[in-house]
């Protein structure tokens, strides 16, 4: 009987609760309970009421989906742009083309991600879709550089040179061989990046970017209810713990999966090398 690694079991246990609440919470939330006084407990409210008297548990059930879907969409969009840019920059034999593709990304790298989002938010007010696009844009430079560095190293191997001599197409070399060979590195980066994106989305929402001040959003709940932290702490503690559990569990799962993949291929994990 195969025994699952402890870290994997822990990761699943940690991430399951926030993920289930985020994705299925609105389905089982039911009609909104009647409002009561702000920051009170009891009266049928499991975790009390928030800053405007709404049921905290009802808000929690509705507040996870925006955070999770925005973070996933931003991560996918970032790689949809970064992968072709990085591969083209690594495999082109023209220096000018590489400079045109990758040098503009240095401008984005020079500005901190959150500052860039806040600067854009001063010009127009992005909704959830706009926030996902902004977070994706600020993650493209890092991801594209990682893809380029990995692809450049793989492209220098004898196997790739042999494929070129056999007359294989650029698409087959770039996607069929180099893309497949760099899958583990990209997956490792994706796990770490998704965690960073979750924090960035939550922080932006906490600062009022991409979410209305009274929106059912875990990060907004932490921000708007912190004034009553000493009176009714559940309104802050519950959404904050769910965000932490989601990011921590995601990291554990990716870390375990990659460690297992490394042992399966080389007998020694990257951490032990």
Protein backbone atom coordinates (compact mmCIF):
# COMPACT_ATOMS: atom_id res chain seq x y z
CA UNK A 1 0.00 0.00 0.00
CA UNK A 2 1.38 3.35 -1.03
CA UNK A 3 1.82 5.88 1.78
CA UNK A 4 1.22 9.50 0.88
CA UNK A 5 3.91 11.99 1.99
CA UNK A 6 3.09 13.86 5.16
CA UNK A 7 3.54 17.23 3.48
CA UNK A 8 1.08 16.28 0.74
CA UNK A 9 -1.57 15.20 3.25
CA UNK A 10 -0.98 18.38 5.25
CA UNK A 11 -1.21 20.51 2.10
CA UNK A 12 -4.48 18.89 1.07
CA UNK A 13 -5.90 19.30 4.56
CA UNK A 14 -4.89 22.96 4.75
CA UNK A 15 -6.04 23.99 1.27
CA UNK A 16 -9.29 22.01 1.09
CA UNK A 17 -11.32 24.11 3.52
CA UNK A 18 -10.68 27.55 1.94
CA UNK A 19 -10.90 26.14 -1.57
CA UNK A 20 -14.24 24.41 -0.95
CA UNK A 21 -15.63 27.51 0.75
CA UNK A 22 -14.41 29.74 -2.09
CA UNK A 23 -15.78 27.63 -4.94
CA UNK A 24 -18.92 26.12 -3.41
CA UNK A 25 -19.76 28.64 -0.69
CA UNK A 26 -22.14 30.74 -2.80
CA UNK A 27 -24.06 27.60 -3.78
CA UNK A 28 -24.87 26.71 -0.18
CA UNK A 29 -25.07 30.22 1.27
CA UNK A 30 -28.82 30.58 0.89
CA UNK A 31 -30.65 33.89 1.32
CA UNK A 32 -28.84 36.62 3.27
CA UNK A 33 -29.80 36.76 6.97
CA UNK A 34 -31.41 39.90 8.36
CA UNK A 35 -28.98 42.61 9.42
CA UNK A 36 -28.30 43.22 13.07
CA UNK A 37 -26.23 45.77 14.97
CA UNK A 38 -22.61 46.13 13.87
CA UNK A 39 -19.97 43.89 15.47
CA UNK A 40 -22.29 41.77 17.57
CA UNK A 41 -22.48 38.03 18.19
CA UNK A 42 -25.26 35.50 18.75
CA UNK A 43 -28.78 35.89 17.39
CA UNK A 44 -28.18 33.05 14.91
CA UNK A 45 -24.92 34.48 13.57
CA UNK A 46 -22.17 31.87 13.99
CA UNK A 47 -19.34 34.36 13.66
CA UNK A 48 -21.23 37.51 14.53
CA UNK A 49 -21.87 40.51 12.29
CA UNK A 50 -19.55 42.80 10.36
CA UNK A 51 -19.12 46.58 10.29
CA UNK A 52 -22.55 47.15 8.75
CA UNK A 53 -24.39 44.39 10.59
CA UNK A 54 -24.19 41.68 7.92
CA UNK A 55 -23.70 38.04 8.85
CA UNK A 56 -19.97 37.27 8.77
CA UNK A 57 -20.38 33.62 7.78
CA UNK A 58 -22.62 34.59 4.83
CA UNK A 59 -19.99 37.09 3.68
CA UNK A 60 -17.24 34.46 4.07
CA UNK A 61 -19.16 32.00 1.88
CA UNK A 62 -19.39 34.62 -0.88
CA UNK A 63 -15.99 36.26 -0.38
CA UNK A 64 -13.54 33.57 -1.47
CA UNK A 65 -14.51 33.08 -5.10
CA UNK A 66 -13.34 36.55 -6.27
CA UNK A 67 -9.91 36.06 -4.65
CA UNK A 68 -9.35 32.52 -5.99
CA UNK A 69 -10.65 33.08 -9.53
CA UNK A 70 -8.83 36.40 -9.92
CA UNK A 71 -5.52 34.86 -8.78
CA UNK A 72 -5.90 31.82 -11.05
CA UNK A 73 -6.87 33.96 -14.04
CA UNK A 74 -3.94 36.33 -13.46
CA UNK A 75 -1.45 33.47 -13.21
CA UNK A 76 -2.71 31.78 -16.38
CA UNK A 77 -2.75 35.06 -18.31
CA UNK A 78 0.81 35.87 -17.19
CA UNK A 79 2.12 32.56 -18.57
CA UNK A 80 0.10 32.83 -21.78
CA UNK A 81 2.15 35.96 -22.51
CA UNK A 82 5.44 34.99 -20.84
CA UNK A 83 5.86 31.55 -22.48
CA UNK A 84 5.87 32.68 -26.14
CA UNK A 85 7.93 35.78 -25.30
CA UNK A 86 10.52 33.80 -23.37
CA UNK A 87 10.75 31.02 -25.95
CA UNK A 88 11.04 33.49 -28.85
CA UNK A 89 13.72 35.46 -27.01
CA UNK A 90 15.72 32.31 -26.27
CA UNK A 91 15.49 30.73 -29.71
CA UNK A 92 15.83 33.73 -32.00
CA UNK A 93 19.24 34.20 -33.61
CA UNK A 94 18.70 37.93 -34.07
CA UNK A 95 19.86 40.15 -31.24
CA UNK A 96 17.58 42.99 -32.32
CA UNK A 97 14.50 40.78 -32.10
CA UNK A 98 15.47 39.61 -28.62
CA UNK A 99 16.01 43.19 -27.48
CA UNK A 100 12.64 44.30 -28.86
CA UNK A 101 10.86 41.40 -27.17
CA UNK A 102 12.46 41.49 -23.73
CA UNK A 103 13.89 44.96 -23.12
CA UNK A 104 10.48 46.67 -22.62
CA UNK A 105 9.86 44.22 -19.78
CA UNK A 106 12.76 45.77 -17.86
CA UNK A 107 10.67 48.93 -17.51
CA UNK A 108 7.98 46.95 -15.70
CA UNK A 109 10.59 45.21 -13.54
CA UNK A 110 11.89 48.58 -12.36
CA UNK A 111 8.56 49.42 -10.70
CA UNK A 112 7.33 47.40 -7.69
CA UNK A 113 4.26 45.33 -8.55
CA UNK A 114 1.89 46.79 -5.98
CA UNK A 115 3.01 50.35 -6.78
CA UNK A 116 2.32 49.74 -10.47
CA UNK A 117 -1.20 48.50 -9.68
CA UNK A 118 -1.88 51.49 -7.43
CA UNK A 119 -0.58 53.92 -10.07
CA UNK A 120 -2.87 52.45 -12.72
CA UNK A 121 -5.76 52.45 -10.24
CA UNK A 122 -5.40 56.22 -9.84
CA UNK A 123 -6.15 56.66 -13.55
CA UNK A 124 -9.14 54.32 -13.78
CA UNK A 125 -10.97 52.07 -11.37
CA UNK A 126 -10.42 48.44 -12.38
CA UNK A 127 -13.00 45.82 -11.53
CA UNK A 128 -12.25 42.17 -10.89
CA UNK A 129 -11.31 41.58 -14.54
CA UNK A 130 -9.13 44.69 -14.57
CA UNK A 131 -7.35 43.59 -11.41
CA UNK A 132 -6.65 40.17 -12.93
CA UNK A 133 -5.16 41.84 -16.02
CA UNK A 134 -3.03 44.21 -13.94
CA UNK A 135 -1.66 41.42 -11.76
CA UNK A 136 -0.94 39.34 -14.87
CA UNK A 137 0.94 42.23 -16.51
CA UNK A 138 3.21 42.86 -13.51
CA UNK A 139 4.04 39.13 -13.37
CA UNK A 140 4.93 38.77 -17.06
CA UNK A 141 8.51 40.19 -16.88
CA UNK A 142 9.66 37.79 -14.16
CA UNK A 143 7.99 34.79 -15.76
CA UNK A 144 9.30 35.64 -19.24
CA UNK A 145 12.88 35.97 -17.99
CA UNK A 146 12.68 32.63 -16.21
CA UNK A 147 11.29 30.97 -19.36
CA UNK A 148 14.02 32.57 -21.48
CA UNK A 149 16.85 31.51 -19.13
CA UNK A 150 15.55 27.94 -18.91
CA UNK A 151 14.93 27.66 -22.65
CA UNK A 152 18.38 29.08 -23.46
CA UNK A 153 20.07 26.42 -21.32
CA UNK A 154 18.05 23.60 -22.90
CA UNK A 155 18.57 24.96 -26.42
CA UNK A 156 22.35 24.64 -25.97
CA UNK A 157 22.16 20.87 -25.42
CA UNK A 158 23.37 18.43 -28.12
CA UNK A 159 19.89 16.93 -28.48
CA UNK A 160 18.48 20.24 -29.72
CA UNK A 161 21.36 20.69 -32.14
CA UNK A 162 20.66 17.20 -33.48
CA UNK A 163 17.01 18.13 -34.02
CA UNK A 164 18.08 21.23 -35.97
CA UNK A 165 20.40 19.17 -38.15
CA UNK A 166 17.54 16.77 -38.88
CA UNK A 167 15.53 19.70 -40.22
CA UNK A 168 12.88 19.74 -37.49
CA UNK A 169 10.59 22.76 -37.49
CA UNK A 170 10.96 25.63 -35.03
CA UNK A 171 7.58 24.72 -33.54
CA UNK A 172 8.57 21.11 -32.91
CA UNK A 173 11.87 22.10 -31.32
CA UNK A 174 10.44 24.94 -29.20
CA UNK A 175 7.25 23.25 -28.02
CA UNK A 176 7.85 19.54 -28.53
CA UNK A 177 11.31 19.33 -26.99
CA UNK A 178 12.31 22.53 -25.17
CA UNK A 179 8.82 23.23 -23.84
CA UNK A 180 8.47 19.71 -22.50
CA UNK A 181 11.95 19.74 -20.98
CA UNK A 182 11.31 22.98 -19.08
CA UNK A 183 7.93 21.84 -17.72
CA UNK A 184 9.23 21.05 -14.23
CA UNK A 185 10.94 24.42 -13.85
CA UNK A 186 7.88 26.30 -15.07
CA UNK A 187 5.62 24.25 -12.77
CA UNK A 188 7.84 25.08 -9.79
CA UNK A 189 7.68 28.76 -10.67
CA UNK A 190 3.91 28.55 -11.19
CA UNK A 191 3.38 27.20 -7.68
CA UNK A 192 5.45 29.95 -6.11
CA UNK A 193 3.98 32.60 -8.38
CA UNK A 194 0.39 31.57 -7.63
CA UNK A 195 1.06 32.10 -3.94
CA UNK A 196 2.54 35.54 -4.65
CA UNK A 197 -0.38 36.39 -6.91
CA UNK A 198 -2.86 35.40 -4.19
CA UNK A 199 -1.16 37.74 -1.76
CA UNK A 200 -1.00 40.52 -4.38
CA UNK A 201 -4.69 40.17 -5.26
CA UNK A 202 -5.64 40.11 -1.59
CA UNK A 203 -3.44 43.14 -0.83
CA UNK A 204 -4.86 45.10 -3.77
CA UNK A 205 -8.40 44.31 -2.66
CA UNK A 206 -7.43 45.25 0.90
CA UNK A 207 -6.38 48.66 -0.45
CA UNK A 208 -9.63 49.03 -2.38
CA UNK A 209 -8.39 48.15 -5.87
CA UNK A 210 -10.63 45.87 -7.93
CA UNK A 211 -13.31 45.49 -5.25
CA UNK A 212 -16.04 47.71 -3.89
CA UNK A 213 -15.63 48.91 -0.27
CA UNK A 214 -18.54 46.76 0.85
CA UNK A 215 -17.89 43.78 -1.46
CA UNK A 216 -18.08 40.20 -0.23
CA UNK A 217 -14.34 39.60 -0.51
CA UNK A 218 -12.05 38.06 2.12
CA UNK A 219 -9.43 40.79 1.78
CA UNK A 220 -12.03 43.56 1.87
CA UNK A 221 -13.53 41.94 4.98
CA UNK A 222 -10.17 42.09 6.75
CA UNK A 223 -9.78 45.75 5.84
CA UNK A 224 -13.28 46.97 6.61
CA UNK A 225 -13.74 45.02 9.83
CA UNK A 226 -10.37 45.73 11.46
CA UNK A 227 -11.84 48.69 13.33
CA UNK A 228 -13.88 46.21 15.38
CA UNK A 229 -11.11 43.66 15.86
CA UNK A 230 -11.17 43.90 19.66
CA UNK A 231 -14.96 43.88 19.80
CA UNK A 232 -15.82 41.21 17.24
CA UNK A 233 -12.57 39.55 16.09
CA UNK A 234 -14.20 36.78 13.99
CA UNK A 235 -15.04 39.26 11.23
CA UNK A 236 -11.29 39.69 10.68
CA UNK A 237 -9.81 36.42 11.90
CA UNK A 238 -11.94 34.05 9.79
CA UNK A 239 -11.23 35.61 6.34
CA UNK A 240 -7.58 36.23 7.26
CA UNK A 241 -7.06 32.60 8.28
CA UNK A 242 -8.70 31.39 5.06
CA UNK A 243 -6.35 33.50 2.93
CA UNK A 244 -3.31 32.23 4.86
CA UNK A 245 -4.51 28.61 4.63
CA UNK A 246 -5.10 28.93 0.88
CA UNK A 247 -1.63 30.28 0.14
CA UNK A 248 0.18 27.97 2.58
CA UNK A 249 -1.65 24.85 1.38
CA UNK A 250 -1.01 25.70 -2.27
CA UNK A 251 2.71 26.07 -1.58
CA UNK A 252 2.86 22.75 0.27
CA UNK A 253 1.12 20.88 -2.55
CA UNK A 254 3.37 22.28 -5.28
CA UNK A 255 6.47 21.72 -3.16
CA UNK A 256 5.55 18.08 -2.49
CA UNK A 257 4.58 17.36 -6.09
CA UNK A 258 7.83 18.79 -7.47
CA UNK A 259 9.94 17.03 -4.84
CA UNK A 260 8.28 13.73 -5.74
CA UNK A 261 8.80 14.35 -9.46
CA UNK A 262 12.47 15.08 -8.84
CA UNK A 263 12.96 11.85 -6.88
CA UNK A 264 11.18 9.86 -9.54
CA UNK A 265 13.43 11.14 -12.31
CA UNK A 266 16.82 11.30 -10.74
CA UNK A 267 16.55 9.40 -7.48
CA UNK A 268 17.55 12.57 -5.65
CA UNK A 269 15.41 15.61 -5.05
CA UNK A 270 16.54 19.12 -5.89
CA UNK A 271 16.72 19.93 -2.20
CA UNK A 272 19.17 17.08 -1.61
CA UNK A 273 21.37 17.86 -4.59
